[in-house]
Amino acid sequence: MDNQPAAQAPAAQYPFTKREREILQALRHVKSMSLEAVARNLYMSRNTVLYHVDKMKRMTGHDPRTFEGLAACLKMMGEERYGH
């Protein structure tokens, strides 16, 4: 019998919450990828945005504050294109 712990679900299966999806979409459309601008656009505090961005980074291994990380998170979310 194999006594190894069960493997974690791959990041590609991470279930983004509604708020995380909103934040990713807002980051996608903010030119500077500024958390302050995202917070203003979504009517939430910068700390709330930061909490969710940090959580997504921990859970997926991709930092949505970088172009590559945002693109990876959008792809996981089902958004094949970045931009426009």
N, C-alpha and C. Protein backbone atom coordinates (compact mmCIF):
# COMPACT_ATOMS: atom_id res chain seq x y z
N MET A 1 0.83 -1.18 0.00
CA MET A 1 0.00 0.00 0.00
C MET A 1 0.87 1.25 0.00
N ASP A 2 0.46 2.28 -0.71
CA ASP A 2 1.21 3.52 -0.82
C ASP A 2 0.83 4.45 0.33
N ASN A 3 1.81 4.84 1.15
CA ASN A 3 1.54 5.69 2.30
C ASN A 3 1.86 7.16 2.04
N GLN A 4 1.96 7.56 0.80
CA GLN A 4 2.26 8.95 0.47
C GLN A 4 0.98 9.78 0.55
N PRO A 5 1.11 11.06 0.99
CA PRO A 5 -0.08 11.92 1.05
C PRO A 5 -0.64 12.20 -0.33
N ALA A 6 -1.93 12.43 -0.38
CA ALA A 6 -2.58 12.74 -1.65
C ALA A 6 -2.04 14.04 -2.21
N ALA A 7 -1.83 14.07 -3.50
CA ALA A 7 -1.30 15.27 -4.16
C ALA A 7 -2.36 16.37 -4.16
N GLN A 8 -1.89 17.62 -4.06
CA GLN A 8 -2.80 18.76 -4.14
C GLN A 8 -3.34 18.87 -5.55
N ALA A 9 -4.53 19.45 -5.67
CA ALA A 9 -5.11 19.68 -6.98
C ALA A 9 -4.21 20.62 -7.76
N PRO A 10 -4.02 20.39 -9.06
CA PRO A 10 -3.19 21.29 -9.84
C PRO A 10 -3.76 22.70 -9.83
N ALA A 11 -2.86 23.68 -9.97
CA ALA A 11 -3.28 25.08 -9.95
C ALA A 11 -4.29 25.37 -11.06
N ALA A 12 -4.23 24.62 -12.15
CA ALA A 12 -5.15 24.84 -13.26
C ALA A 12 -6.60 24.62 -12.83
N GLN A 13 -6.81 23.95 -11.70
CA GLN A 13 -8.16 23.68 -11.22
C GLN A 13 -8.54 24.60 -10.06
N TYR A 14 -7.76 25.63 -9.81
CA TYR A 14 -8.07 26.54 -8.71
C TYR A 14 -9.40 27.23 -8.98
N PRO A 15 -10.36 27.15 -8.06
CA PRO A 15 -11.67 27.77 -8.27
C PRO A 15 -11.66 29.24 -7.82
N PHE A 16 -11.47 30.16 -8.74
CA PHE A 16 -11.46 31.57 -8.42
C PHE A 16 -12.83 32.01 -7.90
N THR A 17 -12.83 32.81 -6.85
CA THR A 17 -14.09 33.35 -6.33
C THR A 17 -14.57 34.46 -7.25
N LYS A 18 -15.81 34.87 -7.05
CA LYS A 18 -16.36 35.96 -7.86
C LYS A 18 -15.51 37.22 -7.70
N ARG A 19 -15.12 37.54 -6.48
CA ARG A 19 -14.32 38.74 -6.23
C ARG A 19 -12.95 38.63 -6.90
N GLU A 20 -12.33 37.44 -6.83
CA GLU A 20 -11.02 37.25 -7.47
C GLU A 20 -11.14 37.42 -8.98
N ARG A 21 -12.23 36.92 -9.55
CA ARG A 21 -12.46 37.09 -10.99
C ARG A 21 -12.60 38.57 -11.34
N GLU A 22 -13.33 39.32 -10.50
CA GLU A 22 -13.49 40.76 -10.74
C GLU A 22 -12.13 41.47 -10.68
N ILE A 23 -11.32 41.09 -9.70
CA ILE A 23 -10.00 41.72 -9.55
C ILE A 23 -9.12 41.40 -10.75
N LEU A 24 -9.13 40.16 -11.20
CA LEU A 24 -8.32 39.79 -12.37
C LEU A 24 -8.77 40.56 -13.61
N GLN A 25 -10.07 40.67 -13.80
CA GLN A 25 -10.58 41.42 -14.95
C GLN A 25 -10.18 42.90 -14.86
N ALA A 26 -10.26 43.46 -13.65
CA ALA A 26 -9.87 44.86 -13.47
C ALA A 26 -8.38 45.05 -13.72
N LEU A 27 -7.56 44.13 -13.22
CA LEU A 27 -6.11 44.21 -13.47
C LEU A 27 -5.83 44.14 -14.96
N ARG A 28 -6.62 43.36 -15.65
CA ARG A 28 -6.45 43.20 -17.10
C ARG A 28 -6.65 44.52 -17.83
N HIS A 29 -7.53 45.36 -17.31
CA HIS A 29 -7.89 46.59 -18.01
C HIS A 29 -7.22 47.84 -17.46
N VAL A 30 -6.48 47.73 -16.37
CA VAL A 30 -5.77 48.88 -15.81
C VAL A 30 -4.38 48.90 -16.41
N LYS A 31 -4.02 49.99 -17.06
CA LYS A 31 -2.75 50.05 -17.79
C LYS A 31 -1.53 49.79 -16.91
N SER A 32 -1.51 50.35 -15.72
CA SER A 32 -0.33 50.22 -14.87
C SER A 32 -0.39 48.99 -13.96
N MET A 33 -1.49 48.23 -14.03
CA MET A 33 -1.73 47.10 -13.13
C MET A 33 -1.62 47.55 -11.67
N SER A 34 -2.09 48.77 -11.41
CA SER A 34 -2.03 49.37 -10.08
C SER A 34 -3.16 48.85 -9.20
N LEU A 35 -2.80 48.35 -8.01
CA LEU A 35 -3.80 47.86 -7.08
C LEU A 35 -4.71 48.99 -6.61
N GLU A 36 -4.16 50.20 -6.50
CA GLU A 36 -4.96 51.35 -6.11
C GLU A 36 -6.05 51.64 -7.14
N ALA A 37 -5.68 51.58 -8.42
CA ALA A 37 -6.63 51.82 -9.50
C ALA A 37 -7.70 50.73 -9.52
N VAL A 38 -7.30 49.49 -9.31
CA VAL A 38 -8.25 48.38 -9.26
C VAL A 38 -9.23 48.59 -8.11
N ALA A 39 -8.70 48.96 -6.94
CA ALA A 39 -9.56 49.19 -5.77
C ALA A 39 -10.57 50.30 -6.05
N ARG A 40 -10.11 51.39 -6.66
CA ARG A 40 -11.03 52.49 -6.99
C ARG A 40 -12.10 52.03 -7.96
N ASN A 41 -11.71 51.31 -9.00
CA ASN A 41 -12.66 50.85 -10.01
C ASN A 41 -13.70 49.89 -9.46
N LEU A 42 -13.30 49.09 -8.47
CA LEU A 42 -14.21 48.09 -7.90
C LEU A 42 -14.86 48.54 -6.60
N TYR A 43 -14.58 49.76 -6.18
CA TYR A 43 -15.15 50.31 -4.94
C TYR A 43 -14.84 49.43 -3.74
N MET A 44 -13.58 49.07 -3.61
CA MET A 44 -13.13 48.32 -2.44
C MET A 44 -11.79 48.89 -1.99
N SER A 45 -11.39 48.52 -0.80
CA SER A 45 -10.13 49.07 -0.28
C SER A 45 -8.94 48.39 -0.96
N ARG A 46 -7.81 49.10 -0.97
CA ARG A 46 -6.58 48.55 -1.52
C ARG A 46 -6.18 47.29 -0.76
N ASN A 47 -6.39 47.29 0.55
CA ASN A 47 -6.02 46.12 1.36
C ASN A 47 -6.86 44.89 0.98
N THR A 48 -8.11 45.09 0.63
CA THR A 48 -8.95 43.97 0.19
C THR A 48 -8.41 43.40 -1.11
N VAL A 49 -8.08 44.28 -2.03
CA VAL A 49 -7.50 43.84 -3.31
C VAL A 49 -6.19 43.11 -3.06
N LEU A 50 -5.34 43.68 -2.22
CA LEU A 50 -4.05 43.07 -1.91
C LEU A 50 -4.23 41.68 -1.27
N TYR A 51 -5.18 41.55 -0.36
CA TYR A 51 -5.46 40.25 0.27
C TYR A 51 -5.79 39.20 -0.80
N HIS A 52 -6.68 39.55 -1.73
CA HIS A 52 -7.09 38.58 -2.74
C HIS A 52 -5.97 38.28 -3.74
N VAL A 53 -5.20 39.29 -4.09
CA VAL A 53 -4.07 39.08 -5.01
C VAL A 53 -3.04 38.16 -4.35
N ASP A 54 -2.73 38.41 -3.07
CA ASP A 54 -1.78 37.54 -2.36
C ASP A 54 -2.31 36.12 -2.24
N LYS A 55 -3.62 35.97 -2.00
CA LYS A 55 -4.22 34.64 -1.90
C LYS A 55 -4.12 33.91 -3.24
N MET A 56 -4.40 34.62 -4.33
CA MET A 56 -4.30 33.98 -5.65
C MET A 56 -2.86 33.56 -5.93
N LYS A 57 -1.90 34.39 -5.52
CA LYS A 57 -0.50 34.04 -5.73
C LYS A 57 -0.14 32.77 -4.95
N ARG A 58 -0.59 32.69 -3.70
CA ARG A 58 -0.33 31.51 -2.87
C ARG A 58 -0.97 30.25 -3.46
N MET A 59 -2.20 30.39 -3.92
CA MET A 59 -2.96 29.22 -4.36
C MET A 59 -2.58 28.74 -5.77
N THR A 60 -2.17 29.67 -6.63
CA THR A 60 -1.87 29.27 -8.02
C THR A 60 -0.38 29.20 -8.32
N GLY A 61 0.43 29.91 -7.50
CA GLY A 61 1.85 29.97 -7.79
C GLY A 61 2.19 31.06 -8.81
N HIS A 62 1.20 31.85 -9.22
CA HIS A 62 1.39 32.93 -10.19
C HIS A 62 1.00 34.25 -9.55
N ASP A 63 1.84 35.27 -9.72
CA ASP A 63 1.57 36.59 -9.15
C ASP A 63 0.80 37.44 -10.16
N PRO A 64 -0.48 37.71 -9.90
CA PRO A 64 -1.28 38.49 -10.85
C PRO A 64 -0.81 39.93 -11.04
N ARG A 65 0.16 40.37 -10.24
CA ARG A 65 0.69 41.73 -10.40
C ARG A 65 1.73 41.81 -11.51
N THR A 66 2.13 40.67 -12.06
CA THR A 66 3.05 40.65 -13.19
C THR A 66 2.28 40.26 -14.45
N PHE A 67 2.80 40.67 -15.59
CA PHE A 67 2.15 40.34 -16.86
C PHE A 67 1.99 38.83 -17.01
N GLU A 68 3.09 38.09 -16.77
CA GLU A 68 3.06 36.64 -16.95
C GLU A 68 2.10 35.98 -15.96
N GLY A 69 2.12 36.45 -14.71
CA GLY A 69 1.25 35.89 -13.69
C GLY A 69 -0.22 36.17 -13.97
N LEU A 70 -0.51 37.39 -14.40
CA LEU A 70 -1.89 37.74 -14.74
C LEU A 70 -2.37 36.91 -15.92
N ALA A 71 -1.53 36.78 -16.94
CA ALA A 71 -1.90 35.97 -18.11
C ALA A 71 -2.17 34.52 -17.71
N ALA A 72 -1.34 33.97 -16.82
CA ALA A 72 -1.53 32.58 -16.36
C ALA A 72 -2.84 32.45 -15.58
N CYS A 73 -3.12 33.42 -14.72
CA CYS A 73 -4.37 33.36 -13.94
C CYS A 73 -5.58 33.51 -14.84
N LEU A 74 -5.50 34.42 -15.82
CA LEU A 74 -6.62 34.58 -16.75
C LEU A 74 -6.84 33.30 -17.56
N LYS A 75 -5.75 32.65 -17.93
CA LYS A 75 -5.88 31.39 -18.68
C LYS A 75 -6.55 30.32 -17.82
N MET A 76 -6.15 30.25 -16.53
CA MET A 76 -6.79 29.29 -15.62
C MET A 76 -8.27 29.59 -15.46
N MET A 77 -8.60 30.86 -15.53
CA MET A 77 -9.98 31.30 -15.35
C MET A 77 -10.80 31.09 -16.63
N GLY A 78 -10.11 30.76 -17.72
CA GLY A 78 -10.81 30.52 -18.97
C GLY A 78 -10.71 31.66 -19.95
N GLU A 79 -9.94 32.68 -19.63
CA GLU A 79 -9.72 33.82 -20.54
C GLU A 79 -8.48 33.50 -21.36
N GLU A 80 -8.63 33.11 -22.58
CA GLU A 80 -7.50 32.71 -23.40
C GLU A 80 -6.68 33.90 -23.89
N ARG A 81 -7.33 35.05 -24.07
CA ARG A 81 -6.62 36.22 -24.59
C ARG A 81 -6.30 37.16 -23.45
N TYR A 82 -5.17 37.82 -23.54
CA TYR A 82 -4.82 38.87 -22.58
C TYR A 82 -4.94 40.20 -23.30
N GLY A 83 -5.48 41.17 -22.62
CA GLY A 83 -5.62 42.50 -23.20
C GLY A 83 -7.00 42.72 -23.77
N HIS A 84 -7.13 43.70 -24.62
CA HIS A 84 -8.37 44.14 -25.28
C HIS A 84 -9.58 43.77 -24.47
